[in-house]
């Protein structure tokens, strides 16, 4: 009888957790479904695997579905990362160097969490809610990170947290947010300025 009760309780717990996961995925779809474009200022703090804070940076981000984003780090160094859905450019302003990579061969970038079609996102990740954050666990191990967290306030994305395979954490906080602004297509194209060295990517 006790064994039967234990099995029943375990089954009920599993069903309850499944329902919560479905609700979390549905809520995330509603939040992300509110916008097709997004821009904001960001501040970033990196933490090591002992949760000790280290490097801080600031900048601006532009995102547009499907698959386009532009991250401009302005402090403490200048770097621009641009994706147009197929290619990823990384431009180090101070070093006057730029490199181009294939997004498909590079693997999943955390920024794609915010630019992929919402339905695709909830198919690739198990979504739950934890302390006011949406927690996303990859269904495959090739996503490049262990888990990611998204936070919304007043239907606006205000935070992104990514934990990598070494248990290091990057925390982004967004401010001066604009939802569905009209973004120029030029934001997601990159032509190396004169004098910039373009490094050849040897990925095949």
N, C-alpha and C. Protein backbone atom coordinates (compact mmCIF):
# COMPACT_ATOMS: atom_id res chain seq x y z
N UNK A 1 0.83 -1.21 0.00
CA UNK A 1 0.00 0.00 0.00
C UNK A 1 0.87 1.26 0.00
N UNK A 2 1.93 1.24 0.85
CA UNK A 2 2.81 2.39 0.91
C UNK A 2 3.53 2.58 -0.43
N UNK A 3 3.93 1.44 -1.04
CA UNK A 3 4.61 1.51 -2.33
C UNK A 3 3.67 2.09 -3.38
N UNK A 4 2.39 1.67 -3.33
CA UNK A 4 1.40 2.17 -4.28
C UNK A 4 1.21 3.68 -4.10
N UNK A 5 1.13 4.12 -2.83
CA UNK A 5 0.97 5.55 -2.56
C UNK A 5 2.17 6.33 -3.06
N UNK A 6 3.37 5.78 -2.90
CA UNK A 6 4.59 6.46 -3.35
C UNK A 6 4.58 6.63 -4.86
N UNK A 7 4.15 5.57 -5.56
CA UNK A 7 4.08 5.63 -7.02
C UNK A 7 3.07 6.69 -7.45
N UNK A 8 1.93 6.73 -6.78
CA UNK A 8 0.88 7.71 -7.11
C UNK A 8 1.37 9.14 -6.88
N UNK A 9 2.05 9.35 -5.74
CA UNK A 9 2.56 10.68 -5.44
C UNK A 9 3.62 11.11 -6.45
N UNK A 10 4.48 10.17 -6.82
CA UNK A 10 5.51 10.48 -7.81
C UNK A 10 4.86 10.82 -9.15
N UNK A 11 3.83 10.08 -9.54
CA UNK A 11 3.14 10.33 -10.81
C UNK A 11 2.48 11.70 -10.80
N UNK A 12 1.82 12.02 -9.66
CA UNK A 12 1.17 13.32 -9.54
C UNK A 12 2.19 14.46 -9.61
N UNK A 13 3.34 14.25 -8.96
CA UNK A 13 4.41 15.26 -8.98
C UNK A 13 4.91 15.47 -10.40
N UNK A 14 5.10 14.37 -11.14
CA UNK A 14 5.59 14.46 -12.51
C UNK A 14 4.59 15.20 -13.39
N UNK A 15 3.30 14.88 -13.22
CA UNK A 15 2.25 15.55 -13.99
C UNK A 15 2.22 17.04 -13.65
N UNK A 16 2.35 17.35 -12.36
CA UNK A 16 2.32 18.74 -11.90
C UNK A 16 3.48 19.52 -12.50
N UNK A 17 4.68 18.92 -12.51
CA UNK A 17 5.85 19.58 -13.08
C UNK A 17 5.68 19.79 -14.58
N UNK A 18 5.07 18.82 -15.26
CA UNK A 18 4.84 18.95 -16.70
C UNK A 18 3.89 20.09 -17.00
N UNK A 19 2.84 20.22 -16.19
CA UNK A 19 1.88 21.30 -16.38
C UNK A 19 2.55 22.65 -16.15
N UNK A 20 3.39 22.75 -15.10
CA UNK A 20 4.10 23.99 -14.83
C UNK A 20 5.02 24.36 -15.99
N UNK A 21 5.70 23.36 -16.55
CA UNK A 21 6.61 23.61 -17.68
C UNK A 21 5.84 24.12 -18.88
N UNK A 22 4.65 23.52 -19.15
CA UNK A 22 3.83 23.97 -20.27
C UNK A 22 3.37 25.41 -20.04
N UNK A 23 2.97 25.74 -18.80
CA UNK A 23 2.53 27.09 -18.49
C UNK A 23 3.68 28.08 -18.65
N UNK A 24 4.89 27.70 -18.21
CA UNK A 24 6.05 28.58 -18.32
C UNK A 24 6.38 28.84 -19.78
N UNK A 25 6.34 27.78 -20.61
CA UNK A 25 6.63 27.94 -22.04
C UNK A 25 5.59 28.84 -22.70
N UNK A 26 4.33 28.66 -22.32
CA UNK A 26 3.26 29.49 -22.87
C UNK A 26 3.44 30.95 -22.47
N UNK A 27 3.80 31.18 -21.20
CA UNK A 27 4.01 32.56 -20.74
C UNK A 27 5.21 33.20 -21.44
N UNK A 28 6.26 32.41 -21.66
CA UNK A 28 7.42 32.95 -22.36
C UNK A 28 7.07 33.32 -23.79
N UNK A 29 6.29 32.47 -24.45
CA UNK A 29 5.86 32.76 -25.81
C UNK A 29 5.07 34.06 -25.87
N UNK A 30 4.22 34.29 -24.87
CA UNK A 30 3.42 35.52 -24.85
C UNK A 30 4.32 36.73 -24.68
N UNK A 31 5.32 36.63 -23.79
CA UNK A 31 6.22 37.77 -23.55
C UNK A 31 7.07 38.08 -24.77
N UNK A 32 7.66 37.05 -25.37
CA UNK A 32 8.51 37.27 -26.53
C UNK A 32 7.70 37.61 -27.77
N UNK A 33 6.46 37.14 -27.79
CA UNK A 33 5.61 37.40 -28.95
C UNK A 33 5.15 38.83 -29.07
N UNK A 34 5.44 39.65 -28.03
CA UNK A 34 5.00 41.05 -28.04
C UNK A 34 5.81 41.92 -28.98
N UNK A 35 6.99 41.43 -29.39
CA UNK A 35 7.81 42.31 -30.20
C UNK A 35 8.48 41.56 -31.36
N UNK A 36 8.75 42.32 -32.42
CA UNK A 36 9.55 41.84 -33.54
C UNK A 36 10.89 42.55 -33.60
N UNK A 37 11.01 43.65 -32.87
CA UNK A 37 12.26 44.40 -32.81
C UNK A 37 12.43 44.94 -31.40
N UNK A 38 13.69 45.23 -31.06
CA UNK A 38 14.00 45.62 -29.68
C UNK A 38 15.33 46.38 -29.68
N UNK A 39 15.40 47.44 -28.89
CA UNK A 39 16.68 48.09 -28.69
C UNK A 39 16.75 48.59 -27.25
N UNK A 40 17.97 48.63 -26.72
CA UNK A 40 18.15 49.02 -25.32
C UNK A 40 19.62 49.26 -25.04
N UNK A 41 19.90 49.97 -23.96
CA UNK A 41 21.24 50.01 -23.40
C UNK A 41 21.43 48.76 -22.55
N UNK A 42 22.67 48.30 -22.41
CA UNK A 42 22.90 47.16 -21.54
C UNK A 42 24.13 47.39 -20.66
N UNK A 43 24.09 46.80 -19.50
CA UNK A 43 25.27 46.68 -18.65
C UNK A 43 25.48 45.20 -18.40
N UNK A 44 26.72 44.78 -18.39
CA UNK A 44 27.07 43.35 -18.28
C UNK A 44 28.07 43.15 -17.16
N UNK A 45 27.85 42.09 -16.38
CA UNK A 45 28.80 41.70 -15.34
C UNK A 45 29.09 40.22 -15.52
N UNK A 46 30.37 39.86 -15.52
CA UNK A 46 30.79 38.46 -15.62
C UNK A 46 31.15 37.94 -14.23
N UNK A 47 30.67 36.73 -13.91
CA UNK A 47 30.97 36.09 -12.64
C UNK A 47 31.70 34.78 -12.90
N UNK A 48 32.69 34.47 -12.05
CA UNK A 48 33.39 33.20 -12.21
C UNK A 48 32.58 32.07 -11.59
N UNK A 49 33.14 30.85 -11.59
CA UNK A 49 32.38 29.70 -11.10
C UNK A 49 32.21 29.68 -9.59
N UNK A 50 32.79 30.67 -8.91
CA UNK A 50 32.58 30.83 -7.46
C UNK A 50 31.69 32.03 -7.17
N UNK A 51 31.05 32.52 -8.25
CA UNK A 51 30.11 33.64 -8.18
C UNK A 51 30.78 34.95 -7.77
N UNK A 52 32.06 35.07 -8.09
CA UNK A 52 32.79 36.30 -7.81
C UNK A 52 32.74 37.18 -9.05
N UNK A 53 32.29 38.42 -8.86
CA UNK A 53 32.14 39.33 -9.99
C UNK A 53 33.47 39.80 -10.52
N UNK A 54 33.55 39.95 -11.83
CA UNK A 54 34.78 40.38 -12.46
C UNK A 54 34.55 41.51 -13.41
N UNK A 55 34.82 41.28 -14.69
CA UNK A 55 34.77 42.33 -15.70
C UNK A 55 33.36 42.87 -15.90
N UNK A 56 33.27 44.18 -16.05
CA UNK A 56 32.00 44.84 -16.33
C UNK A 56 32.11 45.56 -17.67
N UNK A 57 31.00 45.64 -18.37
CA UNK A 57 30.99 46.35 -19.65
C UNK A 57 29.62 46.99 -19.87
N UNK A 58 29.58 47.90 -20.81
CA UNK A 58 28.34 48.62 -21.13
C UNK A 58 28.25 48.82 -22.63
N UNK A 59 27.03 49.03 -23.11
CA UNK A 59 26.85 49.27 -24.53
C UNK A 59 25.40 49.36 -24.92
N UNK A 60 25.14 49.02 -26.20
CA UNK A 60 23.79 49.11 -26.72
C UNK A 60 23.52 47.91 -27.60
N UNK A 61 22.26 47.47 -27.59
CA UNK A 61 21.88 46.28 -28.34
C UNK A 61 20.66 46.59 -29.22
N UNK A 62 20.68 46.01 -30.42
CA UNK A 62 19.56 46.10 -31.35
C UNK A 62 19.23 44.68 -31.81
N UNK A 63 17.96 44.31 -31.81
CA UNK A 63 17.58 42.97 -32.23
C UNK A 63 16.32 43.03 -33.09
N UNK A 64 16.28 42.14 -34.07
CA UNK A 64 15.11 42.07 -34.95
C UNK A 64 14.92 40.65 -35.44
N UNK A 65 13.70 40.17 -35.36
CA UNK A 65 13.41 38.85 -35.88
C UNK A 65 13.24 38.91 -37.40
N UNK A 66 13.67 37.84 -38.09
CA UNK A 66 14.31 36.65 -37.54
C UNK A 66 15.83 36.73 -37.63
N UNK A 67 16.51 36.43 -36.54
CA UNK A 67 17.94 36.17 -36.55
C UNK A 67 18.89 37.34 -36.70
N UNK A 68 18.43 38.58 -36.49
CA UNK A 68 19.32 39.72 -36.66
C UNK A 68 19.58 40.39 -35.30
N UNK A 69 20.85 40.67 -35.04
CA UNK A 69 21.17 41.41 -33.83
C UNK A 69 22.47 42.18 -33.99
N UNK A 70 22.61 43.19 -33.18
CA UNK A 70 23.81 44.04 -33.17
C UNK A 70 24.10 44.42 -31.72
N UNK A 71 25.26 43.98 -31.23
CA UNK A 71 25.71 44.31 -29.86
C UNK A 71 26.90 45.24 -29.97
N UNK A 72 26.77 46.43 -29.44
CA UNK A 72 27.86 47.40 -29.46
C UNK A 72 28.36 47.61 -28.03
N UNK A 73 29.53 47.08 -27.74
CA UNK A 73 30.16 47.33 -26.45
C UNK A 73 30.96 48.62 -26.57
N UNK A 74 30.72 49.56 -25.67
CA UNK A 74 31.39 50.86 -25.73
C UNK A 74 32.36 51.10 -24.59
N UNK A 75 32.23 50.33 -23.51
CA UNK A 75 33.07 50.52 -22.34
C UNK A 75 33.26 49.18 -21.62
N UNK A 76 34.45 48.76 -21.27
CA UNK A 76 35.74 49.48 -21.25
C UNK A 76 36.50 49.42 -22.57
N UNK A 77 35.97 48.71 -23.57
CA UNK A 77 36.59 48.64 -24.88
C UNK A 77 35.48 48.73 -25.92
N UNK A 78 35.85 48.92 -27.18
CA UNK A 78 34.85 49.04 -28.24
C UNK A 78 34.87 47.78 -29.11
N UNK A 79 33.73 47.11 -29.13
CA UNK A 79 33.58 45.93 -29.96
C UNK A 79 32.14 45.88 -30.48
N UNK A 80 31.98 45.50 -31.74
CA UNK A 80 30.65 45.37 -32.33
C UNK A 80 30.46 43.97 -32.87
N UNK A 81 29.36 43.34 -32.49
CA UNK A 81 29.01 42.01 -32.97
C UNK A 81 27.72 42.14 -33.76
N UNK A 82 27.74 41.69 -35.03
CA UNK A 82 26.60 41.87 -35.92
C UNK A 82 26.23 40.53 -36.54
N UNK A 83 24.95 40.21 -36.52
CA UNK A 83 24.44 39.01 -37.20
C UNK A 83 23.28 39.40 -38.10
N UNK A 84 23.28 38.83 -39.32
CA UNK A 84 22.20 39.15 -40.27
C UNK A 84 21.33 37.93 -40.57
N UNK A 85 21.42 36.91 -39.71
CA UNK A 85 20.65 35.70 -39.91
C UNK A 85 21.49 34.54 -40.41
N UNK A 86 22.55 34.85 -41.17
CA UNK A 86 23.44 33.81 -41.69
C UNK A 86 24.88 33.97 -41.24
N UNK A 87 25.36 35.21 -41.28
CA UNK A 87 26.75 35.50 -40.96
C UNK A 87 26.86 36.29 -39.65
N UNK A 88 27.98 36.08 -38.99
CA UNK A 88 28.28 36.80 -37.75
C UNK A 88 29.60 37.53 -37.93
N UNK A 89 29.58 38.84 -37.76
CA UNK A 89 30.78 39.66 -37.79
C UNK A 89 31.17 40.07 -36.37
N UNK A 90 32.44 40.00 -36.06
CA UNK A 90 32.98 40.51 -34.80
C UNK A 90 34.03 41.55 -35.15
N UNK A 91 33.79 42.79 -34.75
CA UNK A 91 34.66 43.91 -35.10
C UNK A 91 35.24 44.52 -33.83
N UNK A 92 36.55 44.36 -33.65
CA UNK A 92 37.26 44.97 -32.53
C UNK A 92 37.79 46.33 -32.99
N UNK A 93 37.13 47.38 -32.52
CA UNK A 93 37.44 48.72 -33.00
C UNK A 93 38.86 49.12 -32.64
N UNK A 94 39.26 48.91 -31.38
CA UNK A 94 40.58 49.33 -30.93
C UNK A 94 41.70 48.59 -31.64
N UNK A 95 41.49 47.31 -31.94
CA UNK A 95 42.51 46.50 -32.61
C UNK A 95 42.47 46.67 -34.13
N UNK A 96 41.41 47.29 -34.63
CA UNK A 96 41.20 47.46 -36.07
C UNK A 96 41.21 46.10 -36.77
N UNK A 97 40.48 45.16 -36.17
CA UNK A 97 40.39 43.81 -36.73
C UNK A 97 38.92 43.38 -36.78
N UNK A 98 38.60 42.60 -37.81
CA UNK A 98 37.24 42.07 -37.95
C UNK A 98 37.33 40.63 -38.45
N UNK A 99 36.35 39.82 -38.03
CA UNK A 99 36.29 38.44 -38.50
C UNK A 99 34.85 38.08 -38.80
N UNK A 100 34.69 37.19 -39.76
CA UNK A 100 33.36 36.75 -40.18
C UNK A 100 33.24 35.25 -39.95
N UNK A 101 32.09 34.83 -39.44
CA UNK A 101 31.84 33.41 -39.19
C UNK A 101 30.44 33.05 -39.65
N UNK A 102 30.25 31.76 -39.87
CA UNK A 102 28.92 31.26 -40.17
C UNK A 102 28.18 31.01 -38.86
N UNK A 103 26.98 31.55 -38.73
CA UNK A 103 26.21 31.32 -37.52
C UNK A 103 25.89 29.84 -37.33
N UNK A 104 25.62 29.15 -38.41
CA UNK A 104 25.27 27.73 -38.33
C UNK A 104 26.44 26.91 -37.79
N UNK A 105 27.66 27.22 -38.24
CA UNK A 105 28.82 26.45 -37.82
C UNK A 105 29.34 26.89 -36.47
N UNK A 106 29.03 28.10 -36.07
CA UNK A 106 29.50 28.61 -34.79
C UNK A 106 28.76 27.97 -33.64
N UNK A 107 27.53 27.55 -33.87
CA UNK A 107 26.71 27.03 -32.78
C UNK A 107 25.75 28.10 -32.28
N UNK A 108 24.93 27.74 -31.34
CA UNK A 108 23.87 28.62 -30.88
C UNK A 108 24.44 29.75 -30.03
N UNK A 109 24.13 30.98 -30.41
CA UNK A 109 24.55 32.15 -29.67
C UNK A 109 23.43 32.60 -28.74
N UNK A 110 23.75 32.98 -27.48
CA UNK A 110 22.68 33.39 -26.57
C UNK A 110 21.79 34.49 -27.11
N UNK A 111 22.36 35.36 -27.95
CA UNK A 111 21.53 36.44 -28.52
C UNK A 111 20.41 35.88 -29.38
N UNK A 112 20.60 34.68 -29.91
CA UNK A 112 19.55 34.06 -30.74
C UNK A 112 18.33 33.69 -29.90
N UNK A 113 18.49 33.63 -28.58
CA UNK A 113 17.33 33.40 -27.73
C UNK A 113 16.27 34.46 -27.97
N UNK A 114 16.72 35.64 -28.35
CA UNK A 114 15.81 36.78 -28.45
C UNK A 114 15.41 37.10 -29.88
N UNK A 115 16.00 36.39 -30.85
CA UNK A 115 15.70 36.71 -32.25
C UNK A 115 15.14 35.53 -33.03
N UNK A 116 15.17 34.33 -32.45
CA UNK A 116 14.60 33.18 -33.13
C UNK A 116 13.07 33.23 -33.06
N UNK A 117 12.38 32.59 -34.02
CA UNK A 117 10.93 32.43 -33.88
C UNK A 117 10.61 31.78 -32.55
N UNK A 118 9.60 32.29 -31.86
CA UNK A 118 9.30 31.83 -30.51
C UNK A 118 9.00 30.33 -30.48
N UNK A 119 8.28 29.83 -31.47
CA UNK A 119 7.93 28.42 -31.50
C UNK A 119 9.19 27.55 -31.55
N UNK A 120 10.19 27.98 -32.32
CA UNK A 120 11.45 27.23 -32.39
C UNK A 120 12.15 27.20 -31.05
N UNK A 121 12.09 28.32 -30.36
CA UNK A 121 12.77 28.45 -29.07
C UNK A 121 12.23 27.47 -28.05
N UNK A 122 10.91 27.39 -27.96
CA UNK A 122 10.32 26.51 -26.96
C UNK A 122 10.43 25.04 -27.34
N UNK A 123 10.78 24.75 -28.60
CA UNK A 123 11.05 23.37 -29.00
C UNK A 123 12.47 22.96 -28.66
N UNK A 124 13.39 23.92 -28.65
CA UNK A 124 14.80 23.62 -28.40
C UNK A 124 15.16 23.62 -26.92
N UNK A 125 14.30 24.21 -26.09
CA UNK A 125 14.62 24.35 -24.67
C UNK A 125 13.45 23.91 -23.80
N UNK A 126 13.79 23.38 -22.64
CA UNK A 126 12.79 23.13 -21.60
C UNK A 126 12.67 24.39 -20.77
N UNK A 127 11.47 24.93 -20.67
CA UNK A 127 11.25 26.22 -20.02
C UNK A 127 10.55 26.04 -18.69
N UNK A 128 11.10 26.63 -17.64
CA UNK A 128 10.47 26.67 -16.33
C UNK A 128 10.60 28.09 -15.78
N UNK A 129 9.98 28.34 -14.65
CA UNK A 129 10.11 29.65 -14.00
C UNK A 129 10.78 29.48 -12.65
N UNK A 130 11.71 30.41 -12.36
CA UNK A 130 12.49 30.30 -11.14
C UNK A 130 12.81 31.70 -10.60
N UNK A 131 12.24 32.05 -9.46
CA UNK A 131 12.52 33.32 -8.79
C UNK A 131 12.32 34.54 -9.71
N UNK A 132 11.23 34.51 -10.47
CA UNK A 132 10.91 35.64 -11.33
C UNK A 132 11.60 35.62 -12.68
N UNK A 133 12.39 34.58 -12.96
CA UNK A 133 13.08 34.43 -14.24
C UNK A 133 12.50 33.24 -14.99
N UNK A 134 12.53 33.30 -16.31
CA UNK A 134 12.28 32.13 -17.15
C UNK A 134 13.60 31.39 -17.31
N UNK A 135 13.63 30.14 -16.93
CA UNK A 135 14.85 29.34 -17.04
C UNK A 135 14.75 28.44 -18.26
N UNK A 136 15.77 28.46 -19.11
CA UNK A 136 15.79 27.66 -20.33
C UNK A 136 16.95 26.68 -20.28
N UNK A 137 16.61 25.40 -20.33
CA UNK A 137 17.61 24.33 -20.36
C UNK A 137 17.64 23.72 -21.76
N UNK A 138 18.81 23.71 -22.43
CA UNK A 138 18.88 23.16 -23.78
C UNK A 138 18.49 21.69 -23.81
N UNK A 139 17.72 21.28 -24.81
CA UNK A 139 17.37 19.88 -24.99
C UNK A 139 18.51 19.09 -25.61
N UNK A 140 19.50 19.81 -26.18
CA UNK A 140 20.70 19.19 -26.72
C UNK A 140 21.91 19.85 -26.08
N UNK A 141 23.02 19.14 -26.07
CA UNK A 141 24.21 19.64 -25.40
C UNK A 141 25.09 20.52 -26.28
N UNK A 142 24.64 20.81 -27.49
CA UNK A 142 25.48 21.56 -28.43
C UNK A 142 25.12 23.04 -28.50
N UNK A 143 24.43 23.55 -27.50
CA UNK A 143 24.00 24.94 -27.53
C UNK A 143 25.09 25.90 -27.05
N UNK A 144 26.16 25.38 -26.45
CA UNK A 144 27.26 26.24 -26.04
C UNK A 144 27.13 26.79 -24.64
N UNK A 145 26.01 26.52 -23.97
CA UNK A 145 25.85 26.97 -22.59
C UNK A 145 24.95 26.00 -21.83
N UNK A 146 25.06 26.02 -20.51
CA UNK A 146 24.30 25.08 -19.68
C UNK A 146 22.86 25.52 -19.50
N UNK A 147 22.67 26.81 -19.26
CA UNK A 147 21.32 27.31 -19.04
C UNK A 147 21.29 28.81 -19.29
N UNK A 148 20.10 29.32 -19.54
CA UNK A 148 19.91 30.75 -19.76
C UNK A 148 18.64 31.18 -19.04
N UNK A 149 18.61 32.44 -18.67
CA UNK A 149 17.48 32.99 -17.92
C UNK A 149 17.04 34.30 -18.57
N UNK A 150 15.74 34.50 -18.67
CA UNK A 150 15.17 35.74 -19.19
C UNK A 150 14.23 36.33 -18.15
N UNK A 151 14.30 37.65 -17.99
CA UNK A 151 13.42 38.32 -17.03
C UNK A 151 12.65 39.44 -17.73
N UNK A 152 11.35 39.50 -17.44
CA UNK A 152 10.49 40.52 -18.04
C UNK A 152 9.82 41.33 -16.92
N UNK A 153 9.69 42.61 -17.16
CA UNK A 153 8.92 43.48 -16.27
C UNK A 153 8.06 44.39 -17.14
N UNK A 154 6.77 44.44 -16.83
CA UNK A 154 5.82 45.23 -17.61
C UNK A 154 5.92 44.89 -19.11
N UNK A 155 6.01 43.58 -19.37
CA UNK A 155 6.06 43.06 -20.74
C UNK A 155 7.31 43.50 -21.50
N UNK A 156 8.34 43.93 -20.80
CA UNK A 156 9.59 44.32 -21.44
C UNK A 156 10.72 43.43 -20.93
N UNK A 157 11.60 43.02 -21.84
CA UNK A 157 12.76 42.24 -21.44
C UNK A 157 13.73 43.15 -20.70
N UNK A 158 14.02 42.83 -19.45
CA UNK A 158 14.91 43.67 -18.64
C UNK A 158 16.18 42.95 -18.21
N UNK A 159 16.26 41.61 -18.38
CA UNK A 159 17.45 40.90 -17.94
C UNK A 159 17.69 39.62 -18.71
N UNK A 160 18.96 39.30 -18.90
CA UNK A 160 19.39 38.05 -19.54
C UNK A 160 20.57 37.52 -18.74
N UNK A 161 20.53 36.25 -18.41
CA UNK A 161 21.61 35.62 -17.65
C UNK A 161 21.98 34.31 -18.35
N UNK A 162 23.26 34.11 -18.60
CA UNK A 162 23.73 32.91 -19.31
C UNK A 162 24.82 32.24 -18.48
N UNK A 163 24.67 30.94 -18.23
CA UNK A 163 25.66 30.15 -17.50
C UNK A 163 26.32 29.21 -18.50
N UNK A 164 27.65 29.31 -18.63
CA UNK A 164 28.34 28.48 -19.62
C UNK A 164 28.75 27.13 -19.04
N UNK A 165 29.45 26.35 -19.84
CA UNK A 165 29.81 24.99 -19.43
C UNK A 165 30.82 24.97 -18.29
N UNK A 166 31.49 26.09 -18.03
CA UNK A 166 32.46 26.19 -16.92
C UNK A 166 31.82 26.80 -15.67
N UNK A 167 30.49 26.92 -15.69
CA UNK A 167 29.74 27.52 -14.58
C UNK A 167 30.09 28.98 -14.35
N UNK A 168 30.54 29.65 -15.41
CA UNK A 168 30.72 31.09 -15.37
C UNK A 168 29.43 31.74 -15.85
N UNK A 169 29.09 32.88 -15.25
CA UNK A 169 27.80 33.51 -15.50
C UNK A 169 27.97 34.91 -16.06
N UNK A 170 27.27 35.20 -17.15
CA UNK A 170 27.18 36.55 -17.70
C UNK A 170 25.78 37.08 -17.43
N UNK A 171 25.71 38.25 -16.78
CA UNK A 171 24.43 38.86 -16.46
C UNK A 171 24.29 40.18 -17.20
N UNK A 172 23.23 40.30 -18.00
CA UNK A 172 22.95 41.52 -18.74
C UNK A 172 21.71 42.19 -18.13
N UNK A 173 21.80 43.49 -17.90
CA UNK A 173 20.65 44.27 -17.44
C UNK A 173 20.36 45.33 -18.49
N UNK A 174 19.11 45.41 -18.94
CA UNK A 174 18.74 46.32 -20.02
C UNK A 174 17.98 47.53 -19.48
N UNK A 175 18.24 48.69 -20.10
CA UNK A 175 17.56 49.93 -19.71
C UNK A 175 17.31 50.76 -20.96
N UNK A 176 16.55 51.86 -20.82
CA UNK A 176 16.18 52.70 -21.98
C UNK A 176 15.64 51.83 -23.11
N UNK A 177 14.69 51.00 -22.76
CA UNK A 177 14.18 49.97 -23.67
C UNK A 177 13.15 50.55 -24.64
N UNK A 178 13.26 50.13 -25.89
CA UNK A 178 12.24 50.44 -26.90
C UNK A 178 11.79 49.14 -27.54
N UNK A 179 10.50 48.90 -27.51
CA UNK A 179 9.93 47.70 -28.09
C UNK A 179 9.33 48.04 -29.45
N UNK A 180 9.69 47.23 -30.44
CA UNK A 180 9.22 47.40 -31.82
C UNK A 180 9.56 48.77 -32.42
N UNK A 181 10.80 49.24 -32.21
CA UNK A 181 11.20 50.47 -32.92
C UNK A 181 11.42 50.17 -34.39
N UNK A 182 11.43 51.18 -35.21
CA UNK A 182 11.75 51.01 -36.62
C UNK A 182 13.26 51.06 -36.77
N UNK A 183 13.86 49.91 -37.06
CA UNK A 183 15.31 49.80 -37.13
C UNK A 183 15.78 49.79 -38.58
N UNK A 184 16.85 50.51 -38.84
CA UNK A 184 17.43 50.54 -40.18
C UNK A 184 18.07 49.19 -40.51
N UNK A 185 17.87 48.71 -41.73
CA UNK A 185 18.48 47.45 -42.14
C UNK A 185 20.00 47.53 -42.11
N UNK A 186 20.54 48.75 -42.23
CA UNK A 186 21.98 48.93 -42.21
C UNK A 186 22.62 48.56 -40.89
N UNK A 187 21.83 48.53 -39.82
CA UNK A 187 22.38 48.15 -38.52
C UNK A 187 22.90 46.73 -38.52
N UNK A 188 22.36 45.89 -39.40
CA UNK A 188 22.69 44.47 -39.38
C UNK A 188 23.58 44.06 -40.56
N UNK A 189 24.16 45.06 -41.21
CA UNK A 189 25.15 44.82 -42.25
C UNK A 189 26.48 45.40 -41.81
N UNK A 190 27.55 44.80 -42.27
CA UNK A 190 28.87 45.30 -41.88
C UNK A 190 29.79 45.33 -43.09
N UNK A 191 30.37 46.49 -43.34
CA UNK A 191 31.41 46.66 -44.35
C UNK A 191 32.66 47.14 -43.63
N UNK A 192 33.71 46.36 -43.63
CA UNK A 192 34.92 46.73 -42.89
C UNK A 192 35.42 48.11 -43.30
N UNK A 193 35.62 49.01 -42.35
CA UNK A 193 36.17 50.33 -42.67
C UNK A 193 37.58 50.22 -43.26
N UNK A 194 37.98 51.23 -43.95
CA UNK A 194 39.32 51.25 -44.54
C UNK A 194 40.37 51.15 -43.43
N UNK A 195 41.35 50.28 -43.65
CA UNK A 195 42.41 50.11 -42.67
C UNK A 195 42.16 49.01 -41.67
N UNK A 196 40.97 48.39 -41.72
CA UNK A 196 40.64 47.30 -40.80
C UNK A 196 41.09 45.97 -41.39
N UNK A 197 41.82 45.20 -40.59
CA UNK A 197 42.28 43.88 -41.03
C UNK A 197 41.17 42.86 -40.88
N UNK A 198 40.85 42.16 -41.96
CA UNK A 198 39.81 41.13 -41.92
C UNK A 198 40.50 39.78 -41.76
N UNK A 199 40.25 39.12 -40.62
CA UNK A 199 40.87 37.83 -40.34
C UNK A 199 40.08 36.73 -41.03
N UNK A 200 40.77 35.80 -41.62
CA UNK A 200 40.12 34.71 -42.32
C UNK A 200 39.72 33.62 -41.32
N UNK A 201 38.47 33.21 -41.41
CA UNK A 201 37.97 32.14 -40.55
C UNK A 201 38.23 30.81 -41.25
N UNK A 202 38.93 29.92 -40.57
CA UNK A 202 39.31 28.65 -41.17
C UNK A 202 38.29 27.54 -40.95
N UNK A 203 37.13 27.88 -40.35
CA UNK A 203 36.08 26.87 -40.17
C UNK A 203 35.59 26.39 -41.54
N UNK A 204 35.27 25.12 -41.60
CA UNK A 204 34.73 24.56 -42.83
C UNK A 204 33.32 24.05 -42.59
